[in-house]
C-alpha atoms as a PDB file:
ATOM      1  CA  MET A   1      38.714  17.935  73.932  1.00  0.00           C
ATOM      2  CA  GLU A   2      38.820  14.357  72.659  1.00  0.00           C
ATOM      3  CA  ILE A   3      36.250  13.103  70.171  1.00  0.00           C
ATOM      4  CA  ASP A   4      35.087   9.755  68.815  1.00  0.00           C
ATOM      5  CA  LEU A   5      37.188   8.976  65.742  1.00  0.00           C
ATOM      6  CA  SER A   6      35.502   5.714  64.814  1.00  0.00           C
ATOM      7  CA  GLY A   7      33.072   7.201  62.288  1.00  0.00           C
ATOM      8  CA  TYR A   8      35.706   8.776  60.022  1.00  0.00           C
ATOM      9  CA  GLN A   9      37.134   7.052  56.951  1.00  0.00           C
ATOM     10  CA  LEU A  10      40.058   9.502  56.885  1.00  0.00           C
ATOM     11  CA  ILE A  11      41.653  11.456  59.723  1.00  0.00           C
ATOM     12  CA  ALA A  12      43.776  14.024  57.888  1.00  0.00           C
ATOM     13  CA  VAL A  13      46.315  15.813  60.081  1.00  0.00           C
ATOM     14  CA  SER A  14      47.914  18.927  58.552  1.00  0.00           C
ATOM     15  CA  THR A  15      51.536  19.519  59.526  1.00  0.00           C
ATOM     16  CA  SER A  16      54.014  22.336  58.963  1.00  0.00           C
ATOM     17  CA  ALA A  17      56.659  20.531  61.087  1.00  0.00           C
ATOM     18  CA  GLY A  18      56.200  23.219  63.746  1.00  0.00           C
ATOM     19  CA  LYS A  19      55.839  22.526  67.465  1.00  0.00           C
ATOM     20  CA  ASP A  20      52.049  22.842  67.632  1.00  0.00           C
ATOM     21  CA  ASN A  21      51.519  20.474  64.725  1.00  0.00           C
ATOM     22  CA  GLU A  22      54.027  18.010  66.168  1.00  0.00           C
ATOM     23  CA  ALA A  23      52.265  17.952  69.547  1.00  0.00           C
ATOM     24  CA  MET A  24      48.969  17.532  67.676  1.00  0.00           C
ATOM     25  CA  MET A  25      50.328  14.561  65.694  1.00  0.00           C
ATOM     26  CA  ILE A  26      51.540  12.916  68.907  1.00  0.00           C
ATOM     27  CA  GLN A  27      48.109  13.360  70.486  1.00  0.00           C
ATOM     28  CA  MET A  28      46.201  12.190  67.412  1.00  0.00           C
ATOM     29  CA  ALA A  29      48.402   9.084  67.100  1.00  0.00           C
ATOM     30  CA  GLU A  30      47.655   8.202  70.725  1.00  0.00           C
ATOM     31  CA  MET A  31      43.920   8.821  70.292  1.00  0.00           C
ATOM     32  CA  ALA A  32      43.684   6.865  67.045  1.00  0.00           C
ATOM     33  CA  ARG A  33      45.554   3.882  68.488  1.00  0.00           C
ATOM     34  CA  ALA A  34      43.405   3.869  71.628  1.00  0.00           C
ATOM     35  CA  GLN A  35      40.251   3.897  69.493  1.00  0.00           C
ATOM     36  CA  GLY A  36      41.474   1.263  67.031  1.00  0.00           C
ATOM     37  CA  VAL A  37      41.516   3.544  63.974  1.00  0.00           C
ATOM     38  CA  PHE A  38      45.219   4.290  63.606  1.00  0.00           C
ATOM     39  CA  HIS A  39      45.136   2.899  60.052  1.00  0.00           C
ATOM     40  CA  ARG A  40      42.833   5.776  59.046  1.00  0.00           C
ATOM     41  CA  LEU A  41      45.319   8.452  60.108  1.00  0.00           C
ATOM     42  CA  ALA A  42      47.327  10.388  57.506  1.00  0.00           C
ATOM     43  CA  ALA A  43      49.481  13.517  57.683  1.00  0.00           C
ATOM     44  CA  ILE A  44      49.546  16.187  54.974  1.00  0.00           C
ATOM     45  CA  HIS A  45      52.345  18.712  54.492  1.00  0.00           C
ATOM     46  CA  SER A  46      51.864  21.626  52.097  1.00  0.00           C
ATOM     47  CA  SER A  47      55.243  22.581  50.622  1.00  0.00           C
ATOM     48  CA  THR A  48      55.038  26.227  49.581  1.00  0.00           C
ATOM     49  CA  GLY A  49      58.594  27.058  48.532  1.00  0.00           C
ATOM     50  CA  ALA A  50      58.911  29.499  51.442  1.00  0.00           C
ATOM     51  CA  GLU A  51      59.861  27.149  54.281  1.00  0.00           C
ATOM     52  CA  TRP A  52      63.171  26.589  56.018  1.00  0.00           C
ATOM     53  CA  ILE A  53      65.453  24.341  53.953  1.00  0.00           C
ATOM     54  CA  CYS A  54      65.067  21.419  56.377  1.00  0.00           C
ATOM     55  CA  THR A  55      61.309  21.656  56.974  1.00  0.00           C
ATOM     56  CA  GLN A  56      60.294  18.928  54.536  1.00  0.00           C
ATOM     57  CA  SER A  57      62.792  16.450  55.998  1.00  0.00           C
ATOM     58  CA  VAL A  58      61.698  17.292  59.561  1.00  0.00           C
ATOM     59  CA  ALA A  59      58.050  16.684  58.638  1.00  0.00           C
ATOM     60  CA  GLU A  60      58.980  13.359  57.061  1.00  0.00           C
ATOM     61  CA  LYS A  61      61.072  12.291  60.060  1.00  0.00           C
ATOM     62  CA  ILE A  62      58.349  13.062  62.613  1.00  0.00           C
ATOM     63  CA  ALA A  63      55.671  11.282  60.554  1.00  0.00           C
ATOM     64  CA  ASN A  64      57.939   8.279  60.032  1.00  0.00           C
ATOM     65  CA  LEU A  65      58.767   7.966  63.737  1.00  0.00           C
ATOM     66  CA  LEU A  66      55.049   8.100  64.552  1.00  0.00           C
ATOM     67  CA  SER A  67      54.342   5.554  61.751  1.00  0.00           C
ATOM     68  CA  ILE A  68      51.895   7.978  60.122  1.00  0.00           C
ATOM     69  CA  PRO A  69      51.861   8.053  56.299  1.00  0.00           C
ATOM     70  CA  LEU A  70      52.716  11.505  54.975  1.00  0.00           C
ATOM     71  CA  TYR A  71      51.378  13.145  51.824  1.00  0.00           C
ATOM     72  CA  THR A  72      53.248  16.171  50.496  1.00  0.00           C
ATOM     73  CA  VAL A  73      51.198  18.564  48.382  1.00  0.00           C
ATOM     74  CA  TYR A  74      52.265  21.586  46.339  1.00  0.00           C
ATOM     75  CA  PRO A  75      50.183  24.736  45.802  1.00  0.00           C
ATOM     76  CA  LYS A  76      49.604  25.890  42.224  1.00  0.00           C
ATOM     77  CA  TRP A  77      51.902  28.834  43.018  1.00  0.00           C
ATOM     78  CA  THR A  78      54.822  28.879  45.416  1.00  0.00           C
ATOM     79  CA  ILE A  79      54.368  31.639  47.971  1.00  0.00           C
ATOM     80  CA  PRO A  80      57.372  33.708  46.776  1.00  0.00           C
ATOM     81  CA  ASP A  81      56.250  33.358  43.137  1.00  0.00           C
ATOM     82  CA  TYR A  82      52.742  34.506  44.038  1.00  0.00           C
ATOM     83  CA  ILE A  83      54.051  37.428  46.080  1.00  0.00           C
ATOM     84  CA  GLU A  84      56.083  38.552  43.062  1.00  0.00           C
ATOM     85  CA  HIS A  85      53.059  38.008  40.801  1.00  0.00           C
ATOM     86  CA  ARG A  86      50.877  40.207  43.017  1.00  0.00           C
ATOM     87  CA  MET A  87      53.734  42.649  43.620  1.00  0.00           C
ATOM     88  CA  ARG A  88      52.861  42.868  47.300  1.00  0.00           C
ATOM     89  CA  PHE A  89      53.145  40.896  50.536  1.00  0.00           C
ATOM     90  CA  PRO A  90      50.332  39.243  52.511  1.00  0.00           C
ATOM     91  CA  ASP A  91      48.737  41.126  55.382  1.00  0.00           C
ATOM     92  CA  LEU A  92      45.923  40.577  57.886  1.00  0.00           C
ATOM     93  CA  ARG A  93      43.253  41.359  55.284  1.00  0.00           C
ATOM     94  CA  ARG A  94      44.862  39.409  52.435  1.00  0.00           C
ATOM     95  CA  ARG A  95      46.355  36.199  53.833  1.00  0.00           C
ATOM     96  CA  PHE A  96      46.733  34.552  50.448  1.00  0.00           C
ATOM     97  CA  CYS A  97      49.732  32.616  51.753  1.00  0.00           C
ATOM     98  CA  THR A  98      47.416  30.610  54.019  1.00  0.00           C
ATOM     99  CA  SER A  99      44.918  30.129  51.196  1.00  0.00           C
ATOM    100  CA  LEU A 100      47.611  28.684  48.917  1.00  0.00           C
ATOM    101  CA  LYS A 101      48.541  26.105  51.555  1.00  0.00           C
ATOM    102  CA  THR A 102      45.003  25.062  52.424  1.00  0.00           C
ATOM    103  CA  GLU A 103      43.830  24.910  48.810  1.00  0.00           C
ATOM    104  CA  ALA A 104      46.511  22.314  48.049  1.00  0.00           C
ATOM    105  CA  ILE A 105      45.436  20.217  51.053  1.00  0.00           C
ATOM    106  CA  ASP A 106      41.765  20.543  50.091  1.00  0.00           C
ATOM    107  CA  LYS A 107      42.571  19.401  46.551  1.00  0.00           C
ATOM    108  CA  LEU A 108      44.154  16.189  47.858  1.00  0.00           C
ATOM    109  CA  ILE A 109      41.139  15.418  50.061  1.00  0.00           C
ATOM    110  CA  ARG A 110      38.801  15.940  47.100  1.00  0.00           C
ATOM    111  CA  GLN A 111      40.943  13.634  44.962  1.00  0.00           C
ATOM    112  CA  LEU A 112      41.005  10.892  47.602  1.00  0.00           C
ATOM    113  CA  PHE A 113      37.290  11.198  48.314  1.00  0.00           C
ATOM    114  CA  PRO A 114      35.266  12.657  45.407  1.00  0.00           C
ATOM    115  CA  ALA A 115      31.878  14.139  46.295  1.00  0.00           C
ATOM    116  CA  LYS A 116      30.056  11.148  44.778  1.00  0.00           C
ATOM    117  CA  LYS A 117      31.858   8.797  47.165  1.00  0.00           C
ATOM    118  CA  THR A 118      30.205   8.399  50.553  1.00  0.00           C
ATOM    119  CA  ALA A 119      32.734   9.367  53.208  1.00  0.00           C
ATOM    120  CA  LYS A 120      33.057  11.134  56.527  1.00  0.00           C
ATOM    121  CA  ILE A 121      36.408  12.902  56.922  1.00  0.00           C
ATOM    122  CA  LEU A 122      38.088  14.667  59.818  1.00  0.00           C
ATOM    123  CA  SER A 123      40.477  17.516  58.995  1.00  0.00           C
ATOM    124  CA  VAL A 124      42.763  18.204  61.973  1.00  0.00           C
ATOM    125  CA  THR A 125      44.824  21.372  62.428  1.00  0.00           C
ATOM    126  CA  GLY A 126      46.978  22.764  65.247  1.00  0.00           C
ATOM    127  CA  GLU A 127      45.798  26.326  65.912  1.00  0.00           C
ATOM    128  CA  ARG A 128      45.974  27.596  69.499  1.00  0.00           C
ATOM    129  CA  ARG A 129      43.951  30.409  71.095  1.00  0.00           C
ATOM    130  CA  GLU A 130      47.106  31.799  72.719  1.00  0.00           C
ATOM    131  CA  GLU A 131      48.561  32.702  69.308  1.00  0.00           C
ATOM    132  CA  SER A 132      46.196  35.483  68.190  1.00  0.00           C
ATOM    133  CA  ALA A 133      42.852  37.186  68.721  1.00  0.00           C
ATOM    134  CA  HIS A 134      41.549  35.538  65.550  1.00  0.00           C
ATOM    135  CA  ARG A 135      42.520  32.039  66.644  1.00  0.00           C
ATOM    136  CA  ALA A 136      41.052  32.636  70.087  1.00  0.00           C
ATOM    137  CA  LYS A 137      37.612  32.735  68.445  1.00  0.00           C
ATOM    138  CA  LEU A 138      37.944  29.488  66.475  1.00  0.00           C
ATOM    139  CA  ALA A 139      35.711  26.521  67.221  1.00  0.00           C
ATOM    140  CA  GLY A 140      37.244  23.303  68.480  1.00  0.00           C
ATOM    141  CA  PHE A 141      34.973  21.244  66.237  1.00  0.00           C
ATOM    142  CA  GLU A 142      32.775  22.286  63.324  1.00  0.00           C
ATOM    143  CA  ARG A 143      31.564  21.269  59.887  1.00  0.00           C
ATOM    144  CA  CYS A 144      34.004  22.203  57.116  1.00  0.00           C
ATOM    145  CA  LYS A 145      31.637  23.847  54.653  1.00  0.00           C
ATOM    146  CA  ARG A 146      34.136  24.362  51.855  1.00  0.00           C
ATOM    147  CA  LEU A 147      34.866  20.623  51.593  1.00  0.00           C
ATOM    148  CA  THR A 148      31.475  19.150  52.400  1.00  0.00           C
ATOM    149  CA  ALA A 149      29.734  18.306  49.139  1.00  0.00           C
ATOM    150  CA  GLY A 150      27.531  15.525  47.784  1.00  0.00           C
ATOM    151  CA  ASN A 151      28.140  12.361  49.798  1.00  0.00           C
ATOM    152  CA  ARG A 152      31.376  13.688  51.314  1.00  0.00           C
ATOM    153  CA  GLU A 153      31.081  15.124  54.828  1.00  0.00           C
ATOM    154  CA  VAL A 154      34.108  16.899  56.278  1.00  0.00           C
ATOM    155  CA  PHE A 155      34.551  18.180  59.813  1.00  0.00           C
ATOM    156  CA  HIS A 156      37.285  20.420  61.218  1.00  0.00           C
ATOM    157  CA  TYR A 157      38.896  19.484  64.528  1.00  0.00           C
ATOM    158  CA  ARG A 158      41.360  21.702  66.442  1.00  0.00           C
ATOM    159  CA  PRO A 159      42.544  19.658  69.445  1.00  0.00           C
ATOM    160  CA  MET A 160      45.311  22.066  70.516  1.00  0.00           C
ATOM    161  CA  LEU A 161      43.193  25.212  70.869  1.00  0.00           C
ATOM    162  CA  ASP A 162      43.404  25.453  74.659  1.00  0.00           C
ATOM    163  CA  TYR A 163      47.017  24.337  75.001  1.00  0.00           C
ATOM    164  CA  GLU A 164      49.631  26.828  76.209  1.00  0.00           C
ATOM    165  CA  THR A 165      53.181  26.929  74.852  1.00  0.00           C
ATOM    166  CA  GLY A 166      54.627  25.155  77.902  1.00  0.00           C
ATOM    167  CA  GLU A 167      52.183  22.280  77.489  1.00  0.00           C
ATOM    168  CA  ILE A 168      53.167  21.903  73.842  1.00  0.00           C
ATOM    169  CA  TRP A 169      56.842  21.535  74.740  1.00  0.00           C
ATOM    170  CA  THR A 170      56.041  19.144  77.587  1.00  0.00           C
ATOM    171  CA  ALA A 171      54.235  16.848  75.154  1.00  0.00           C
ATOM    172  CA  ILE A 172      57.131  16.931  72.655  1.00  0.00           C
ATOM    173  CA  ARG A 173      59.825  16.336  75.260  1.00  0.00           C
ATOM    174  CA  LYS A 174      57.834  13.506  76.837  1.00  0.00           C
ATOM    175  CA  SER A 175      57.588  11.832  73.417  1.00  0.00           C
ATOM    176  CA  GLY A 176      61.345  11.935  72.850  1.00  0.00           C
ATOM    177  CA  LEU A 177      60.799  12.929  69.225  1.00  0.00           C
ATOM    178  CA  PRO A 178      63.072  15.399  67.430  1.00  0.00           C
ATOM    179  CA  TYR A 179      61.715  18.853  66.679  1.00  0.00           C
ATOM    180  CA  HIS A 180      62.467  21.564  64.152  1.00  0.00           C
ATOM    181  CA  PRO A 181      65.962  23.066  64.704  1.00  0.00           C
ATOM    182  CA  ALA A 182      64.640  26.616  64.304  1.00  0.00           C
ATOM    183  CA  TYR A 183      63.492  26.499  67.916  1.00  0.00           C
ATOM    184  CA  ASP A 184      67.023  25.906  69.200  1.00  0.00           C
ATOM    185  CA  LEU A 185      67.989  29.120  67.406  1.00  0.00           C
ATOM    186  CA  GLY A 186      65.355  31.030  69.386  1.00  0.00           C
ATOM    187  CA  ASN A 187      62.338  30.958  67.053  1.00  0.00           C
ATOM    188  CA  CYS A 188      59.024  31.593  68.774  1.00  0.00           C
ATOM    189  CA  ARG A 189      57.000  30.143  65.913  1.00  0.00           C
ATOM    190  CA  LEU A 190      57.525  28.306  62.671  1.00  0.00           C
ATOM    191  CA  SER A 191      55.738  28.887  59.392  1.00  0.00           C
ATOM    192  CA  CYS A 192      57.376  30.414  56.363  1.00  0.00           C
ATOM    193  CA  ALA A 193      61.049  31.251  56.838  1.00  0.00           C
ATOM    194  CA  LEU A 194      60.095  34.907  56.294  1.00  0.00           C
ATOM    195  CA  CYS A 195      56.532  35.434  57.501  1.00  0.00           C
ATOM    196  CA  VAL A 196      55.013  38.912  57.683  1.00  0.00           C
ATOM    197  CA  PHE A 197      53.517  37.996  61.069  1.00  0.00           C
ATOM    198  CA  ALA A 198      56.781  36.725  62.581  1.00  0.00           C
ATOM    199  CA  CYS A 199      58.796  38.531  65.254  1.00  0.00           C
ATOM    200  CA  ASP A 200      62.082  40.177  64.290  1.00  0.00           C
ATOM    201  CA  ARG A 201      64.250  37.371  65.707  1.00  0.00           C
ATOM    202  CA  ASP A 202      62.339  34.733  63.749  1.00  0.00           C
ATOM    203  CA  LEU A 203      62.765  36.781  60.584  1.00  0.00           C
ATOM    204  CA  ARG A 204      66.506  37.149  61.065  1.00  0.00           C
ATOM    205  CA  ASN A 205      66.851  33.418  61.696  1.00  0.00           C
ATOM    206  CA  GLY A 206      64.789  32.728  58.590  1.00  0.00           C
ATOM    207  CA  ALA A 207      66.866  35.079  56.451  1.00  0.00           C
ATOM    208  CA  ARG A 208      70.061  33.293  57.494  1.00  0.00           C
ATOM    209  CA  ASN A 209      68.519  29.963  56.546  1.00  0.00           C
ATOM    210  CA  ARG A 210      66.938  31.227  53.312  1.00  0.00           C
ATOM    211  CA  PRO A 211      69.120  34.093  52.019  1.00  0.00           C
ATOM    212  CA  ASP A 212      67.672  33.434  48.552  1.00  0.00           C
ATOM    213  CA  LEU A 213      64.183  34.189  49.824  1.00  0.00           C
ATOM    214  CA  ALA A 214      65.339  37.279  51.735  1.00  0.00           C
ATOM    215  CA  ARG A 215      66.993  38.601  48.564  1.00  0.00           C
ATOM    216  CA  ARG A 216      63.806  38.140  46.530  1.00  0.00           C
ATOM    217  CA  TYR A 217      61.713  39.981  49.121  1.00  0.00           C
ATOM    218  CA  LEU A 218      64.255  42.775  49.523  1.00  0.00           C
ATOM    219  CA  ASP A 219      64.342  43.204  45.747  1.00  0.00           C
ATOM    220  CA  LEU A 220      60.540  43.385  45.671  1.00  0.00           C
ATOM    221  CA  GLU A 221      60.502  46.068  48.362  1.00  0.00           C
ATOM    222  CA  GLU A 222      63.020  48.116  46.413  1.00  0.00           C
ATOM    223  CA  LYS A 223      61.227  47.634  43.101  1.00  0.00           C
ATOM    224  CA  THR A 224      57.682  48.373  44.270  1.00  0.00           C
ATOM    225  CA  GLY A 225      58.093  50.492  47.393  1.00  0.00           C
ATOM    226  CA  PHE A 226      55.605  48.161  49.092  1.00  0.00           C
ATOM    227  CA  LEU A 227      56.884  47.294  52.572  1.00  0.00           C
ATOM    228  CA  PHE A 228      57.162  43.788  53.996  1.00  0.00           C
ATOM    229  CA  ARG A 229      54.979  44.990  56.873  1.00  0.00           C
ATOM    230  CA  CYS A 230      52.476  47.808  56.693  1.00  0.00           C
ATOM    231  CA  ASN A 231      54.789  50.192  58.536  1.00  0.00           C
ATOM    232  CA  ARG A 232      58.215  48.578  58.411  1.00  0.00           C
ATOM    233  CA  SER A 233      60.536  47.237  55.747  1.00  0.00           C
ATOM    234  CA  LEU A 234      62.283  43.876  55.747  1.00  0.00           C
ATOM    235  CA  LYS A 235      65.467  45.806  54.962  1.00  0.00           C
ATOM    236  CA  ASP A 236      65.159  47.682  58.254  1.00  0.00           C
ATOM    237  CA  ILE A 237      64.407  44.509  60.256  1.00  0.00           C
ATOM    238  CA  LEU A 238      67.398  42.616  58.851  1.00  0.00           C
ATOM    239  CA  ALA A 239      69.699  45.645  59.116  1.00  0.00           C
ATOM    240  CA  LYS A 240      69.207  45.746  62.910  1.00  0.00           C
ATOM    241  CA  GLU A 241      71.186  42.520  63.239  1.00  0.00           C
ATOM    242  CA  ALA A 242      74.092  43.841  61.218  1.00  0.00           C
ATOM    243  CA  ALA A 243      74.261  47.087  63.193  1.00  0.00           C
END
């Protein structure tokens, strides 16, 4: 679903450097150029302290090759620090990891366009229905209530919702752009290096890339008895590879 971009003073594209966000950036760059508003496009990367070591540089490289300015924002807590502060891991009911990322992005938008300043802003994210039951119910376009205030109107746009995985890779390969190296190691998805919602293979790849993060989470499991997943420990998941 393409929309008219001409009425927005800022088109803010959130990127994690993952495949869905990369395909979204490619599409948004094409749309913005075709509509003569490419100069209003900006990418935002929320650096949480829990990513793969190379994620920041991959995000910068993709944005640079697309000629899109990139803002990097930092949550008030890193994800591993906040996990240790709470003494427990995120789960489906308490996805504070996502909140930390989005709050940092929201803060930047509020700073760039205070409520007293008249502006219409488009916040673009790369969710796909194929990924989960929750994402399957998301709207492709809607008012962003948490950011709309005073003279600032913000709308949320999810252009990749109906894309399937194969279509995402087709778009990336057609572009000729580099992509995150985690996928060549077999990762299905890319978010935090050690995400509670990731498959076992992604977690083992992430632990090899971020052994420091794996050690912190393993120590927390041992100290608190609270498992990485509701019914399975990170220790057990990582031990399967060594067996």
